[in-house]
Amino acid sequence: MILCNFFFCISLILFLITIGNLFIHFVFLLIPQPVLPLLNHTIKKKGEQGTLKKKGIRDHN
């Protein structure tokens, strides 16, 4: 009985993690375009400008 509950909890946690990942990707798809340069700017401040340039996201000012 305890073992069944343990496996149920693990599957539930994995399920929630998957749903969370899908939700995060969906939210990123819904971000309007003017926000992207702002994200680019903040990432440049942190000194990680190489990552965005590789992905092809450019600053449109």
N, C-alpha and C. Protein backbone atom coordinates (compact mmCIF):
# COMPACT_ATOMS: atom_id res chain seq x y z
N MET A 1 0.83 -1.20 0.00
CA MET A 1 0.00 0.00 0.00
C MET A 1 0.87 1.26 0.00
N ILE A 2 1.88 1.29 0.88
CA ILE A 2 2.76 2.46 0.95
C ILE A 2 3.54 2.60 -0.35
N LEU A 3 3.96 1.47 -0.92
CA LEU A 3 4.73 1.49 -2.16
C LEU A 3 3.91 2.06 -3.31
N CYS A 4 2.63 1.67 -3.37
CA CYS A 4 1.74 2.19 -4.42
C CYS A 4 1.60 3.71 -4.30
N ASN A 5 1.43 4.19 -3.09
CA ASN A 5 1.32 5.64 -2.88
C ASN A 5 2.60 6.35 -3.29
N PHE A 6 3.74 5.73 -3.01
CA PHE A 6 5.03 6.31 -3.37
C PHE A 6 5.15 6.47 -4.89
N PHE A 7 4.81 5.39 -5.63
CA PHE A 7 4.88 5.47 -7.09
C PHE A 7 3.88 6.47 -7.65
N PHE A 8 2.71 6.56 -7.02
CA PHE A 8 1.69 7.51 -7.46
C PHE A 8 2.20 8.94 -7.29
N CYS A 9 2.86 9.21 -6.16
CA CYS A 9 3.41 10.54 -5.90
C CYS A 9 4.48 10.89 -6.94
N ILE A 10 5.35 9.94 -7.26
CA ILE A 10 6.41 10.19 -8.24
C ILE A 10 5.81 10.51 -9.60
N SER A 11 4.82 9.72 -10.03
CA SER A 11 4.22 9.96 -11.34
C SER A 11 3.51 11.31 -11.37
N LEU A 12 2.87 11.67 -10.25
CA LEU A 12 2.17 12.95 -10.18
C LEU A 12 3.16 14.11 -10.29
N ILE A 13 4.29 14.00 -9.60
CA ILE A 13 5.32 15.05 -9.65
C ILE A 13 5.87 15.19 -11.07
N LEU A 14 6.17 14.06 -11.72
CA LEU A 14 6.67 14.10 -13.09
C LEU A 14 5.65 14.73 -14.03
N PHE A 15 4.38 14.39 -13.82
CA PHE A 15 3.30 14.94 -14.63
C PHE A 15 3.25 16.46 -14.47
N LEU A 16 3.33 16.92 -13.23
CA LEU A 16 3.28 18.37 -12.96
C LEU A 16 4.48 19.09 -13.58
N ILE A 17 5.65 18.46 -13.53
CA ILE A 17 6.84 19.06 -14.12
C ILE A 17 6.66 19.20 -15.64
N THR A 18 6.12 18.16 -16.27
CA THR A 18 5.90 18.21 -17.72
C THR A 18 4.92 19.32 -18.09
N ILE A 19 3.80 19.38 -17.34
CA ILE A 19 2.81 20.43 -17.59
C ILE A 19 3.43 21.81 -17.40
N GLY A 20 4.26 21.96 -16.36
CA GLY A 20 4.92 23.23 -16.10
C GLY A 20 5.84 23.65 -17.24
N ASN A 21 6.61 22.69 -17.78
CA ASN A 21 7.50 22.98 -18.90
C ASN A 21 6.70 23.42 -20.13
N LEU A 22 5.61 22.71 -20.43
CA LEU A 22 4.77 23.08 -21.57
C LEU A 22 4.19 24.47 -21.37
N PHE A 23 3.75 24.76 -20.15
CA PHE A 23 3.16 26.06 -19.85
C PHE A 23 4.17 27.18 -20.05
N ILE A 24 5.42 26.95 -19.59
CA ILE A 24 6.47 27.95 -19.72
C ILE A 24 6.75 28.23 -21.20
N HIS A 25 6.85 27.16 -22.02
CA HIS A 25 7.09 27.35 -23.45
C HIS A 25 5.93 28.10 -24.10
N PHE A 26 4.69 27.79 -23.67
CA PHE A 26 3.51 28.46 -24.22
C PHE A 26 3.55 29.94 -23.89
N VAL A 27 3.93 30.27 -22.65
CA VAL A 27 4.01 31.68 -22.24
C VAL A 27 5.07 32.41 -23.06
N PHE A 28 6.22 31.75 -23.30
CA PHE A 28 7.27 32.39 -24.10
C PHE A 28 6.81 32.63 -25.53
N LEU A 29 5.96 31.74 -26.06
CA LEU A 29 5.42 31.95 -27.41
C LEU A 29 4.47 33.14 -27.43
N LEU A 30 3.79 33.38 -26.30
CA LEU A 30 2.80 34.46 -26.25
C LEU A 30 3.40 35.83 -25.97
N ILE A 31 4.70 35.86 -25.61
CA ILE A 31 5.34 37.15 -25.32
C ILE A 31 5.32 38.02 -26.58
N PRO A 32 4.79 39.25 -26.50
CA PRO A 32 4.76 40.13 -27.67
C PRO A 32 6.17 40.53 -28.10
N GLN A 33 6.31 40.86 -29.38
CA GLN A 33 7.62 41.15 -29.94
C GLN A 33 8.37 42.32 -29.28
N PRO A 34 7.71 43.42 -28.86
CA PRO A 34 8.48 44.51 -28.25
C PRO A 34 9.22 44.12 -26.98
N VAL A 35 8.84 43.00 -26.36
CA VAL A 35 9.50 42.58 -25.12
C VAL A 35 10.88 42.00 -25.41
N LEU A 36 11.06 41.43 -26.60
CA LEU A 36 12.32 40.76 -26.92
C LEU A 36 13.54 41.66 -26.83
N PRO A 37 13.52 42.89 -27.38
CA PRO A 37 14.69 43.76 -27.21
C PRO A 37 15.00 44.07 -25.75
N LEU A 38 13.94 44.17 -24.94
CA LEU A 38 14.12 44.43 -23.51
C LEU A 38 14.84 43.25 -22.85
N LEU A 39 14.41 42.03 -23.19
CA LEU A 39 15.07 40.83 -22.68
C LEU A 39 16.52 40.80 -23.15
N ASN A 40 16.73 41.14 -24.41
CA ASN A 40 18.06 41.18 -24.99
C ASN A 40 18.94 42.15 -24.20
N HIS A 41 18.39 43.30 -23.87
CA HIS A 41 19.13 44.34 -23.16
C HIS A 41 19.53 43.86 -21.76
N THR A 42 18.60 43.24 -21.05
CA THR A 42 18.91 42.78 -19.70
C THR A 42 19.94 41.67 -19.72
N ILE A 43 19.86 40.80 -20.73
CA ILE A 43 20.83 39.70 -20.82
C ILE A 43 22.21 40.28 -21.17
N LYS A 44 22.24 41.31 -22.02
CA LYS A 44 23.52 41.94 -22.35
C LYS A 44 24.16 42.56 -21.10
N LYS A 45 23.32 43.10 -20.22
CA LYS A 45 23.84 43.68 -18.99
C LYS A 45 24.54 42.63 -18.14
N LYS A 46 24.01 41.41 -18.17
CA LYS A 46 24.61 40.33 -17.39
C LYS A 46 25.86 39.78 -18.06
N GLY A 47 26.12 40.19 -19.28
CA GLY A 47 27.32 39.73 -19.97
C GLY A 47 27.15 38.38 -20.65
N GLU A 48 25.91 38.05 -21.03
CA GLU A 48 25.66 36.79 -21.72
C GLU A 48 25.13 37.06 -23.13
N GLN A 49 25.66 38.06 -23.80
CA GLN A 49 25.09 38.43 -25.10
C GLN A 49 25.34 37.38 -26.18
N GLY A 50 26.30 36.49 -25.95
CA GLY A 50 26.60 35.46 -26.95
C GLY A 50 25.46 34.49 -27.19
N THR A 51 24.69 34.19 -26.14
CA THR A 51 23.64 33.19 -26.27
C THR A 51 22.54 33.66 -27.20
N LEU A 52 22.11 34.92 -27.06
CA LEU A 52 21.02 35.42 -27.89
C LEU A 52 21.48 35.61 -29.34
N LYS A 53 22.72 36.01 -29.54
CA LYS A 53 23.21 36.21 -30.90
C LYS A 53 23.26 34.89 -31.66
N LYS A 54 23.58 33.82 -30.96
CA LYS A 54 23.61 32.51 -31.60
C LYS A 54 22.23 32.08 -32.06
N LYS A 55 21.21 32.42 -31.25
CA LYS A 55 19.85 32.03 -31.59
C LYS A 55 19.26 32.92 -32.69
N GLY A 56 19.89 34.03 -33.00
CA GLY A 56 19.41 34.90 -34.07
C GLY A 56 18.40 35.93 -33.61
N ILE A 57 18.26 36.12 -32.31
CA ILE A 57 17.36 37.16 -31.82
C ILE A 57 18.14 38.47 -31.78
N ARG A 58 17.66 39.46 -32.52
CA ARG A 58 18.40 40.71 -32.62
C ARG A 58 17.62 41.86 -32.00
N ASP A 59 18.36 42.88 -31.61
CA ASP A 59 17.78 44.07 -31.00
C ASP A 59 17.21 44.97 -32.09
N HIS A 60 15.88 45.21 -32.06
CA HIS A 60 15.27 46.11 -33.03
C HIS A 60 14.91 47.41 -32.34
N ASN A 61 15.82 48.38 -32.35
CA ASN A 61 15.52 49.67 -31.72
C ASN A 61 15.32 50.73 -32.78
